[in-house]
Amino acid sequence: MYSDFWLAQDRPAYIQVKDYMKRMMTSGALQAEQKLPSTRELSSLLRISRNTVLNAYAELEDEGFIYALKGQGHFVVPSDSASASLHPMQHPSLDWSSRLNNYTRLAEEMDLMKHGIRAGKGAISFTSIAPDEKLFDLHNVKRAFLDRMSLEGEVLLNYGYAKGYKPLIDYLLRYMENKGVDISNKDLLITSGFTEGLSLVLSVLNQRHGRILCENPTHHTAIKNFKMHGYDVTGVPMEADGISLNELAGALSKNDYDLAYLVPSYHNPTGIVMSHRKRLEALRLLSEYQIPVIEDGFNEELRYSGSHIAPLVASAGGKSNSVIYLGSFSKILFPGLRVGWILADQTLVGYLESVKRARSIHTSTLDQSLLYQYLYNGNFEKYLKRAKTEYKRKYELAMRCCKEWLPLKRLSGDGGLHLFVEFEPGFQTRQLLEMCTEQGVVFTPGDIFYTDGRGQHTMRLGFSRVSDDHIEKGIRIIGEAARALLK
């Protein structure tokens, strides 16, 4: 006994001893009323100082695991849990897989972290469209944290409000106003990223028709959430400047829809920016059929050339309340801070707030306050300028490499952190992926972004976290494998 204790260097020694002794008691290795070694004996057995054992015994006594008798030593307190561990009840095992609902089964089935592409160690991976952590502004993040904690640390560590941290709400309302949005009669709810925002919106609205309309292809996470919430998904084909208006009009004339979901800026996965003309006309068509629009503000800030295009919620005008805007800085700033927002009609936001409170109480106030202080200190603009310079350089490099090496039919991506490649119809990018994986290169096959099983000839290339050398090498390997497939 006591021979299996090993002292780690990253935790206080007395806590390690305390936890070790607790495990001995709860597992039954130390019995109720059993006398423990003296502090001098245990220090010798564990090869630690006697003071460490004294502190550990004091903690164990405080927590009710042991008691001391003057002149006799320390003894184990009788415990029901220790008895139960020695004489467990024999219950039959449950088959949990038979008790899962369709919502859970769909979530697991469409879980790309489980069933998606796995990059081997050292592989060149074009699967991520997360920001490059090497660009993270750690110095100013630390400063923002210390600034906010010094001002109201006690408040930030307590419960917050379901609607969100008010200074951040006010900042984001001004931020949206600067994008040209008329915020009168609108309100804002803070969420734990885009995904929670989308799930909340889908949860509060009734399904009169059970159908949702979106671009085809579109964001895989959105497709997953639509299906998990019981919607049939209709995808409308894309053109070089955004959704096909003719196809949109045709879809609207054939079926009734509860919602439309659009990603107008640096569309995921195509990278296409919807033209101003199409934004206005798409909104007009959807308004004519009284269909609310969920606008995904994905990567809106990562424009490398051309003039600013206002989001749909701005184009809709101040009197319109049909657009629900989902925003997040996750693809620009720090995904680890799970902070996003919903900007919508103030009545709708009031209901969303109640559902948010029932589900998760509130988004981490600490995360919200840290983001607010970082933004308030004026760091975002400086960081964004530096990040855009770096991502633009990588974007241009990836574009050049694709045009040089890939036997492609079409290449799209007007900004953001990824490119979308289309080969000739009939080409199989899953087969290409198998060949490339053997050579240490992975990418995302495009069919996962389509609503109807199409897109087997497409793929998405995320370049944000790939080094220059690996961008060149990886795309060359993909190109050589693609040409070999075409022979």
Protein backbone atom coordinates (compact mmCIF):
# COMPACT_ATOMS: atom_id res chain seq x y z
CA MET A 1 0.00 0.00 0.00
CA TYR A 2 1.05 3.62 -0.72
CA SER A 3 3.60 2.44 -3.29
CA ASP A 4 1.57 3.76 -6.26
CA PHE A 5 1.77 7.42 -5.26
CA TRP A 6 3.65 9.67 -7.68
CA LEU A 7 4.12 13.36 -7.09
CA ALA A 8 3.44 15.61 -10.08
CA GLN A 9 5.22 18.94 -10.37
CA ASP A 10 2.31 21.09 -11.55
CA ARG A 11 0.03 20.96 -8.44
CA PRO A 12 0.48 21.67 -4.73
CA ALA A 13 1.83 18.51 -3.05
CA TYR A 14 -0.62 18.54 -0.12
CA ILE A 15 -3.60 18.55 -2.53
CA GLN A 16 -2.15 15.57 -4.38
CA VAL A 17 -1.76 13.70 -1.09
CA LYS A 18 -5.29 14.64 -0.02
CA ASP A 19 -6.78 13.44 -3.34
CA TYR A 20 -4.73 10.24 -3.19
CA MET A 21 -5.98 9.40 0.31
CA LYS A 22 -9.58 10.21 -0.67
CA ARG A 23 -9.36 7.74 -3.55
CA MET A 24 -8.04 5.10 -1.17
CA MET A 25 -11.04 5.65 1.10
CA THR A 26 -13.77 5.83 -1.55
CA SER A 27 -12.41 2.72 -3.33
CA GLY A 28 -12.38 0.71 -0.09
CA ALA A 29 -8.59 0.34 0.11
CA LEU A 30 -8.84 2.17 3.44
CA GLN A 31 -11.73 0.87 5.54
CA ALA A 32 -14.07 2.72 7.91
CA GLU A 33 -12.52 3.28 11.34
CA GLN A 34 -9.12 2.15 10.06
CA LYS A 35 -6.20 3.93 11.70
CA LEU A 36 -4.08 5.93 9.26
CA PRO A 37 -0.28 6.08 9.37
CA SER A 38 1.10 8.86 11.53
CA THR A 39 2.15 12.00 9.72
CA ARG A 40 5.80 11.01 10.19
CA GLU A 41 5.18 7.48 8.84
CA LEU A 42 3.22 8.65 5.80
CA SER A 43 5.79 11.30 4.92
CA SER A 44 8.40 8.52 4.86
CA LEU A 45 6.20 6.15 2.83
CA LEU A 46 5.33 8.78 0.23
CA ARG A 47 8.79 10.42 0.26
CA ILE A 48 7.42 13.88 1.00
CA SER A 49 7.76 16.39 3.84
CA ARG A 50 5.86 15.93 7.08
CA ASN A 51 4.33 19.42 6.71
CA THR A 52 2.77 18.28 3.43
CA VAL A 53 1.09 15.36 5.20
CA LEU A 54 -0.04 17.61 8.08
CA ASN A 55 -1.72 19.95 5.60
CA ALA A 56 -3.31 17.03 3.71
CA TYR A 57 -4.69 15.50 6.94
CA ALA A 58 -6.06 18.88 8.01
CA GLU A 59 -7.90 19.21 4.67
CA LEU A 60 -9.26 15.66 4.91
CA GLU A 61 -10.51 16.38 8.42
CA ASP A 62 -12.19 19.59 7.27
CA GLU A 63 -13.93 17.71 4.46
CA GLY A 64 -15.20 14.99 6.81
CA PHE A 65 -13.12 12.07 5.51
CA ILE A 66 -11.05 11.48 8.65
CA TYR A 67 -11.20 12.32 12.34
CA ALA A 68 -8.50 12.62 15.01
CA LEU A 69 -8.41 11.18 18.52
CA LYS A 70 -6.01 12.90 20.87
CA GLY A 71 -2.97 10.74 21.56
CA GLN A 72 -4.19 7.97 19.19
CA GLY A 73 -3.94 9.39 15.68
CA HIS A 74 -6.23 9.75 12.65
CA PHE A 75 -9.02 7.38 11.62
CA VAL A 76 -11.24 6.96 8.54
CA VAL A 77 -14.79 8.25 8.94
CA PRO A 78 -17.44 5.60 8.05
CA SER A 79 -18.93 6.35 4.63
CA ASP A 80 -22.01 5.01 2.86
CA SER A 81 -20.34 5.52 -0.52
CA ALA A 82 -17.33 3.41 0.49
CA SER A 83 -19.68 0.62 1.58
CA ALA A 84 -21.57 0.85 -1.69
CA SER A 85 -18.37 0.54 -3.70
CA LEU A 86 -17.54 -2.71 -1.89
CA HIS A 87 -21.03 -4.15 -2.30
CA PRO A 88 -22.45 -2.68 -5.50
CA MET A 89 -26.03 -3.43 -6.47
CA GLN A 90 -26.31 -5.60 -9.58
CA HIS A 91 -28.52 -3.67 -12.01
CA PRO A 92 -28.94 -4.80 -15.61
CA SER A 93 -27.10 -2.64 -18.17
CA LEU A 94 -29.20 -0.26 -20.23
CA ASP A 95 -28.98 -0.11 -24.00
CA TRP A 96 -28.70 3.65 -24.38
CA SER A 97 -28.58 3.51 -28.17
CA SER A 98 -32.20 2.24 -28.21
CA ARG A 99 -33.33 5.25 -26.16
CA LEU A 100 -31.99 8.01 -28.41
CA ASN A 101 -34.37 10.30 -30.29
CA ASN A 102 -34.08 11.40 -33.91
CA TYR A 103 -32.62 14.77 -32.90
CA THR A 104 -29.68 13.01 -31.23
CA ARG A 105 -29.22 10.48 -34.02
CA LEU A 106 -29.03 13.24 -36.62
CA ALA A 107 -26.54 15.19 -34.52
CA GLU A 108 -24.27 12.16 -34.25
CA GLU A 109 -24.71 11.15 -37.89
CA MET A 110 -23.77 14.64 -39.15
CA ASP A 111 -20.96 15.18 -36.63
CA LEU A 112 -17.93 16.01 -38.78
CA MET A 113 -15.58 15.79 -35.80
CA LYS A 114 -16.51 12.10 -35.55
CA HIS A 115 -17.24 11.18 -39.14
CA GLY A 116 -15.37 13.82 -41.11
CA ILE A 117 -11.87 13.96 -42.52
CA ARG A 118 -9.10 13.07 -40.11
CA ALA A 119 -5.68 14.51 -40.84
CA GLY A 120 -2.75 12.36 -39.83
CA LYS A 121 0.14 13.78 -37.83
CA GLY A 122 2.17 16.14 -39.99
CA ALA A 123 -0.46 16.24 -42.76
CA ILE A 124 -1.14 19.40 -44.75
CA SER A 125 -4.73 20.18 -43.82
CA PHE A 126 -6.97 22.52 -45.81
CA THR A 127 -10.04 21.53 -43.77
CA SER A 128 -10.02 24.38 -41.23
CA ILE A 129 -11.43 27.85 -41.79
CA ALA A 130 -10.60 29.02 -38.26
CA PRO A 131 -8.33 32.03 -37.75
CA ASP A 132 -4.59 31.54 -37.47
CA GLU A 133 -3.72 31.55 -33.75
CA LYS A 134 -0.27 32.92 -34.59
CA LEU A 135 -1.99 36.24 -35.32
CA PHE A 136 -3.80 36.41 -31.98
CA ASP A 137 -3.19 39.65 -30.13
CA LEU A 138 -2.34 38.06 -26.78
CA HIS A 139 -0.75 41.13 -25.18
CA ASN A 140 -3.85 43.27 -25.61
CA VAL A 141 -6.17 40.37 -24.71
CA LYS A 142 -4.34 40.02 -21.37
CA ARG A 143 -4.51 43.76 -20.86
CA ALA A 144 -8.25 43.80 -21.59
CA PHE A 145 -8.81 40.97 -19.11
CA LEU A 146 -6.90 42.74 -16.34
CA ASP A 147 -8.62 46.06 -17.11
CA ARG A 148 -12.10 44.56 -16.83
CA MET A 149 -11.34 42.40 -13.80
CA SER A 150 -9.93 45.37 -11.92
CA LEU A 151 -13.11 47.34 -12.61
CA GLU A 152 -15.78 44.74 -11.78
CA GLY A 153 -14.21 41.34 -11.21
CA GLU A 154 -16.70 40.31 -8.50
CA VAL A 155 -19.64 41.03 -10.79
CA LEU A 156 -18.16 39.20 -13.77
CA LEU A 157 -17.68 35.99 -11.79
CA ASN A 158 -21.33 35.89 -10.68
CA TYR A 159 -24.46 35.12 -12.68
CA GLY A 160 -25.13 37.41 -15.61
CA TYR A 161 -28.18 38.30 -17.68
CA ALA A 162 -29.73 36.11 -20.37
CA LYS A 163 -29.88 39.04 -22.77
CA GLY A 164 -26.17 39.67 -22.35
CA TYR A 165 -23.59 42.03 -20.90
CA LYS A 166 -25.01 45.52 -21.40
CA PRO A 167 -21.78 47.33 -22.35
CA LEU A 168 -21.20 44.74 -25.09
CA ILE A 169 -24.82 44.95 -26.27
CA ASP A 170 -24.52 48.75 -26.58
CA TYR A 171 -21.19 48.44 -28.41
CA LEU A 172 -22.57 45.91 -30.89
CA LEU A 173 -25.66 47.99 -31.56
CA ARG A 174 -23.38 50.89 -32.55
CA TYR A 175 -21.24 48.46 -34.54
CA MET A 176 -24.28 47.32 -36.54
CA GLU A 177 -25.42 50.91 -36.95
CA ASN A 178 -22.03 51.69 -38.50
CA LYS A 179 -22.75 48.95 -41.06
CA GLY A 180 -25.77 50.97 -42.16
CA VAL A 181 -28.39 49.14 -40.10
CA ASP A 182 -31.36 51.12 -38.80
CA ILE A 183 -31.61 49.77 -35.25
CA SER A 184 -34.89 51.47 -34.36
CA ASN A 185 -37.42 48.87 -33.19
CA LYS A 186 -34.62 46.29 -33.11
CA ASP A 187 -32.80 44.70 -30.21
CA LEU A 188 -29.80 42.49 -29.63
CA LEU A 189 -29.28 39.23 -27.75
CA ILE A 190 -25.83 37.84 -26.92
CA THR A 191 -25.36 34.14 -27.71
CA SER A 192 -22.63 31.54 -27.28
CA GLY A 193 -21.51 31.85 -30.89
CA PHE A 194 -23.36 31.54 -34.20
CA THR A 195 -24.56 27.98 -33.66
CA GLU A 196 -26.50 28.75 -30.49
CA GLY A 197 -28.01 31.80 -32.18
CA LEU A 198 -29.28 29.72 -35.10
CA SER A 199 -30.61 27.00 -32.81
CA LEU A 200 -32.45 29.57 -30.67
CA VAL A 201 -34.14 31.14 -33.69
CA LEU A 202 -35.19 27.75 -35.07
CA SER A 203 -36.55 26.80 -31.64
CA VAL A 204 -38.86 29.79 -31.11
CA LEU A 205 -40.59 29.86 -34.50
CA ASN A 206 -43.48 27.55 -35.34
CA GLN A 207 -43.44 25.29 -38.38
CA ARG A 208 -46.52 25.89 -40.46
CA HIS A 209 -45.01 24.30 -43.56
CA GLY A 210 -41.92 22.51 -42.25
CA ARG A 211 -39.73 23.80 -45.07
CA ILE A 212 -36.74 26.13 -45.11
CA LEU A 213 -35.06 27.65 -48.15
CA CYS A 214 -31.34 28.36 -48.52
CA GLU A 215 -28.52 28.66 -51.03
CA ASN A 216 -27.13 25.46 -52.50
CA PRO A 217 -24.43 24.74 -51.37
CA THR A 218 -24.51 26.26 -47.88
CA HIS A 219 -23.04 26.09 -44.38
CA HIS A 220 -22.95 22.45 -43.20
CA THR A 221 -23.69 23.41 -39.58
CA ALA A 222 -26.83 25.19 -40.77
CA ILE A 223 -28.02 22.16 -42.76
CA LYS A 224 -27.43 19.98 -39.69
CA ASN A 225 -29.47 22.30 -37.46
CA PHE A 226 -32.32 22.57 -39.97
CA LYS A 227 -32.65 18.79 -40.14
CA MET A 228 -32.34 18.37 -36.38
CA HIS A 229 -35.22 20.83 -35.94
CA GLY A 230 -37.37 18.85 -38.38
CA TYR A 231 -37.20 21.04 -41.49
CA ASP A 232 -37.14 19.86 -45.08
CA VAL A 233 -34.40 21.86 -46.78
CA THR A 234 -34.69 23.30 -50.28
CA GLY A 235 -31.46 24.55 -51.82
CA VAL A 236 -31.39 27.23 -54.54
CA PRO A 237 -28.40 27.12 -56.94
CA MET A 238 -25.68 29.78 -56.80
CA GLU A 239 -24.37 31.96 -59.60
CA ALA A 240 -21.13 33.95 -59.79
CA ASP A 241 -22.70 36.89 -57.92
CA GLY A 242 -24.88 34.99 -55.49
CA ILE A 243 -28.15 33.09 -55.37
CA SER A 244 -29.98 32.54 -58.68
CA LEU A 245 -32.97 34.88 -58.65
CA ASN A 246 -34.80 32.88 -61.33
CA GLU A 247 -34.39 29.67 -59.34
CA LEU A 248 -35.42 31.49 -56.16
CA ALA A 249 -38.59 32.79 -57.79
CA GLY A 250 -39.34 29.30 -59.09
CA ALA A 251 -38.90 27.69 -55.68
CA LEU A 252 -41.13 30.28 -54.04
CA SER A 253 -43.90 29.71 -56.59
CA LYS A 254 -43.89 25.93 -56.06
CA ASN A 255 -43.87 25.57 -52.26
CA ASP A 256 -44.57 27.43 -49.03
CA TYR A 257 -41.66 28.08 -46.67
CA ASP A 258 -41.33 29.04 -43.03
CA LEU A 259 -37.88 30.60 -43.31
CA ALA A 260 -35.03 31.48 -45.64
CA TYR A 261 -31.36 31.28 -44.64
CA LEU A 262 -28.79 33.30 -46.61
CA VAL A 263 -25.04 33.88 -46.31
CA PRO A 264 -24.54 36.96 -48.51
CA SER A 265 -20.92 37.83 -47.66
CA TYR A 266 -18.01 35.44 -48.26
CA HIS A 267 -20.50 32.65 -48.49
CA ASN A 268 -19.59 29.35 -46.88
CA PRO A 269 -18.46 27.31 -48.78
CA THR A 270 -18.25 29.16 -52.13
CA GLY A 271 -16.72 32.43 -50.88
CA ILE A 272 -19.06 34.34 -53.21
CA VAL A 273 -20.26 37.82 -52.22
CA MET A 274 -23.87 38.43 -53.24
CA SER A 275 -24.18 41.56 -55.36
CA HIS A 276 -26.10 44.58 -54.08
CA ARG A 277 -28.70 44.16 -56.84
CA LYS A 278 -29.35 40.55 -55.90
CA ARG A 279 -29.60 41.41 -52.22
CA LEU A 280 -32.38 43.88 -52.89
CA GLU A 281 -34.22 41.61 -55.31
CA ALA A 282 -33.93 38.52 -53.08
CA LEU A 283 -35.32 40.51 -50.16
CA ARG A 284 -38.15 41.81 -52.33
CA LEU A 285 -39.11 38.30 -53.45
CA LEU A 286 -38.99 36.85 -49.94
CA SER A 287 -40.92 39.81 -48.54
CA GLU A 288 -43.60 39.31 -51.18
CA TYR A 289 -44.16 35.80 -49.82
CA GLN A 290 -43.80 37.04 -46.19
CA ILE A 291 -40.89 34.72 -45.47
CA PRO A 292 -38.53 35.77 -42.64
CA VAL A 293 -34.82 35.74 -43.49
CA ILE A 294 -32.01 34.50 -41.26
CA GLU A 295 -28.89 36.34 -42.38
CA ASP A 296 -25.57 34.74 -41.48
CA GLY A 297 -22.99 37.55 -41.24
CA PHE A 298 -20.19 35.01 -41.82
CA ASN A 299 -16.74 36.59 -42.42
CA GLU A 300 -18.30 39.92 -43.31
CA GLU A 301 -15.18 41.87 -42.30
CA LEU A 302 -12.71 39.89 -44.39
CA ARG A 303 -13.02 41.82 -47.64
CA TYR A 304 -9.71 42.20 -49.45
CA SER A 305 -10.77 44.40 -52.37
CA GLY A 306 -13.75 46.36 -53.65
CA SER A 307 -16.22 48.57 -51.86
CA HIS A 308 -18.25 47.78 -48.77
CA ILE A 309 -21.59 46.03 -49.32
CA ALA A 310 -24.18 46.52 -46.61
CA PRO A 311 -25.67 43.40 -44.96
CA LEU A 312 -29.18 42.30 -45.85
CA VAL A 313 -30.53 43.64 -42.57
CA ALA A 314 -29.36 47.10 -43.66
CA SER A 315 -30.68 46.73 -47.19
CA ALA A 316 -34.10 45.78 -45.84
CA GLY A 317 -34.61 49.30 -44.48
CA GLY A 318 -35.65 50.63 -41.09
CA LYS A 319 -39.34 49.77 -41.32
CA SER A 320 -38.72 46.13 -42.18
CA ASN A 321 -38.44 43.64 -39.33
CA SER A 322 -38.25 40.45 -41.41
CA VAL A 323 -34.46 39.95 -41.28
CA ILE A 324 -32.83 38.15 -38.33
CA TYR A 325 -29.08 38.85 -38.34
CA LEU A 326 -26.67 36.36 -36.75
CA GLY A 327 -23.25 37.82 -36.02
CA SER A 328 -19.99 36.56 -34.58
CA PHE A 329 -16.29 37.48 -34.50
CA SER A 330 -15.26 33.81 -34.27
CA LYS A 331 -13.70 33.58 -37.74
CA ILE A 332 -11.86 36.89 -37.26
CA LEU A 333 -10.92 37.23 -33.62
CA PHE A 334 -10.90 34.44 -31.06
CA PRO A 335 -13.15 31.36 -31.48
CA GLY A 336 -12.35 30.36 -27.89
CA LEU A 337 -14.51 33.28 -26.74
CA ARG A 338 -17.90 31.79 -27.56
CA VAL A 339 -19.66 35.10 -28.16
CA GLY A 340 -22.10 35.86 -30.96
CA TRP A 341 -25.26 37.91 -31.28
CA ILE A 342 -28.75 38.05 -32.77
CA LEU A 343 -30.02 41.40 -34.06
CA ALA A 344 -33.74 41.28 -34.78
CA ASP A 345 -37.14 42.79 -34.14
CA GLN A 346 -37.29 43.77 -30.47
CA THR A 347 -40.45 41.71 -29.82
CA LEU A 348 -38.79 38.59 -31.20
CA VAL A 349 -35.61 39.23 -29.19
CA GLY A 350 -37.74 39.39 -26.04
CA TYR A 351 -38.97 35.83 -26.67
CA LEU A 352 -35.50 34.65 -27.65
CA GLU A 353 -34.21 35.99 -24.34
CA SER A 354 -36.69 33.85 -22.40
CA VAL A 355 -35.73 30.71 -24.30
CA LYS A 356 -32.04 31.51 -23.80
CA ARG A 357 -32.63 31.91 -20.04
CA ALA A 358 -34.45 28.58 -19.87
CA ARG A 359 -31.70 26.75 -21.73
CA SER A 360 -28.37 28.14 -20.59
CA ILE A 361 -29.14 31.07 -18.23
CA HIS A 362 -26.58 33.29 -20.00
CA THR A 363 -23.43 33.35 -22.10
CA SER A 364 -20.23 33.57 -20.06
CA THR A 365 -20.10 37.10 -18.66
CA LEU A 366 -16.34 36.80 -18.36
CA ASP A 367 -16.04 36.08 -22.10
CA GLN A 368 -18.42 38.91 -22.97
CA SER A 369 -16.64 41.45 -20.79
CA LEU A 370 -13.22 40.45 -22.10
CA LEU A 371 -14.41 40.88 -25.70
CA TYR A 372 -16.05 44.20 -24.84
CA GLN A 373 -12.92 45.60 -23.21
CA TYR A 374 -10.75 44.44 -26.10
CA LEU A 375 -13.09 46.19 -28.55
CA TYR A 376 -13.46 49.26 -26.33
CA ASN A 377 -9.68 49.66 -26.08
CA GLY A 378 -9.55 50.09 -29.85
CA ASN A 379 -7.63 46.87 -30.51
CA PHE A 380 -10.04 45.31 -33.00
CA GLU A 381 -9.37 47.76 -35.83
CA LYS A 382 -5.60 47.35 -35.49
CA TYR A 383 -5.83 43.58 -35.28
CA LEU A 384 -8.24 43.39 -38.23
CA LYS A 385 -5.91 45.47 -40.42
CA ARG A 386 -2.98 43.19 -39.62
CA ALA A 387 -5.05 40.01 -40.04
CA LYS A 388 -6.52 41.14 -43.36
CA THR A 389 -3.05 41.89 -44.70
CA GLU A 390 -1.86 38.40 -43.82
CA TYR A 391 -4.99 36.59 -44.99
CA LYS A 392 -5.05 38.55 -48.25
CA ARG A 393 -1.48 37.46 -48.95
CA LYS A 394 -2.38 33.82 -48.29
CA TYR A 395 -5.57 34.19 -50.31
CA GLU A 396 -3.66 35.48 -53.33
CA LEU A 397 -1.05 32.73 -52.98
CA ALA A 398 -3.73 30.02 -52.77
CA MET A 399 -5.53 31.50 -55.79
CA ARG A 400 -2.32 31.48 -57.86
CA CYS A 401 -1.51 27.91 -56.86
CA CYS A 402 -5.03 26.67 -57.67
CA LYS A 403 -4.97 28.28 -61.11
CA GLU A 404 -1.51 26.88 -61.81
CA TRP A 405 -1.91 23.33 -60.53
CA LEU A 406 -5.57 22.29 -60.48
CA PRO A 407 -7.45 21.10 -63.60
CA LEU A 408 -10.47 23.05 -62.40
CA LYS A 409 -13.57 24.28 -64.14
CA ARG A 410 -14.39 27.12 -61.75
CA LEU A 411 -12.68 28.75 -58.77
CA SER A 412 -14.62 31.02 -56.40
CA GLY A 413 -13.76 33.03 -53.32
CA ASP A 414 -13.96 36.82 -53.15
CA GLY A 415 -12.51 37.03 -49.64
CA GLY A 416 -12.66 35.22 -46.33
CA LEU A 417 -10.50 32.27 -45.33
CA HIS A 418 -11.23 29.66 -47.99
CA LEU A 419 -11.62 28.94 -51.70
CA PHE A 420 -14.16 26.72 -53.44
CA VAL A 421 -13.07 24.55 -56.34
CA GLU A 422 -15.34 22.98 -58.96
CA PHE A 423 -14.03 20.33 -61.34
CA GLU A 424 -15.91 19.09 -64.39
CA PRO A 425 -19.18 17.26 -63.60
CA GLY A 426 -18.52 13.58 -63.02
CA PHE A 427 -15.22 14.18 -61.22
CA GLN A 428 -15.16 12.57 -57.76
CA THR A 429 -13.43 14.65 -55.10
CA ARG A 430 -13.93 11.91 -52.49
CA GLN A 431 -11.78 9.64 -54.64
CA LEU A 432 -9.30 12.51 -54.98
CA LEU A 433 -9.31 12.91 -51.19
CA GLU A 434 -8.36 9.25 -50.72
CA MET A 435 -5.39 9.65 -53.06
CA CYS A 436 -4.27 12.89 -51.40
CA THR A 437 -4.67 11.54 -47.87
CA GLU A 438 -2.14 8.82 -48.71
CA GLN A 439 0.26 11.63 -49.61
CA GLY A 440 -0.40 13.62 -46.43
CA VAL A 441 -2.84 16.23 -47.77
CA VAL A 442 -6.51 16.62 -46.77
CA PHE A 443 -9.32 18.99 -47.77
CA THR A 444 -13.10 19.17 -47.34
CA PRO A 445 -15.14 17.48 -50.09
CA GLY A 446 -17.90 19.80 -51.24
CA ASP A 447 -20.81 17.40 -51.19
CA ILE A 448 -21.33 17.92 -47.43
CA PHE A 449 -22.41 21.50 -48.15
CA TYR A 450 -25.17 20.58 -50.60
CA THR A 451 -28.77 20.09 -49.60
CA ASP A 452 -29.55 17.46 -52.23
CA GLY A 453 -26.52 15.16 -52.49
CA ARG A 454 -24.88 17.07 -55.31
CA GLY A 455 -21.40 18.58 -55.34
CA GLN A 456 -19.35 15.38 -55.68
CA HIS A 457 -17.11 17.32 -58.10
CA THR A 458 -16.39 20.17 -55.64
CA MET A 459 -14.17 20.86 -52.65
CA ARG A 460 -13.38 23.59 -50.14
CA LEU A 461 -9.80 24.66 -49.41
CA GLY A 462 -9.24 26.51 -46.12
CA PHE A 463 -5.91 28.33 -46.17
CA SER A 464 -5.95 30.45 -42.99
CA ARG A 465 -3.88 28.07 -40.83
CA VAL A 466 -1.64 26.65 -43.56
CA SER A 467 1.92 27.94 -44.05
CA ASP A 468 3.02 29.35 -47.41
CA ASP A 469 5.22 26.35 -48.15
CA HIS A 470 2.41 23.95 -47.34
CA ILE A 471 -0.10 25.91 -49.43
CA GLU A 472 2.15 25.53 -52.46
CA LYS A 473 3.13 21.92 -51.74
CA GLY A 474 -0.39 20.79 -50.78
CA ILE A 475 -2.17 22.30 -53.79
CA ARG A 476 0.50 20.90 -56.12
CA ILE A 477 -0.07 17.40 -54.68
CA ILE A 478 -3.86 17.81 -55.09
CA GLY A 479 -3.35 18.96 -58.68
CA GLU A 480 -1.08 16.07 -59.60
CA ALA A 481 -3.52 13.56 -58.08
CA ALA A 482 -6.46 15.20 -59.89
CA ARG A 483 -4.68 15.00 -63.25
CA ALA A 484 -3.86 11.36 -62.59
CA LEU A 485 -7.56 10.68 -61.99
CA LEU A 486 -8.49 12.35 -65.27
CA LYS A 487 -6.20 10.12 -67.35
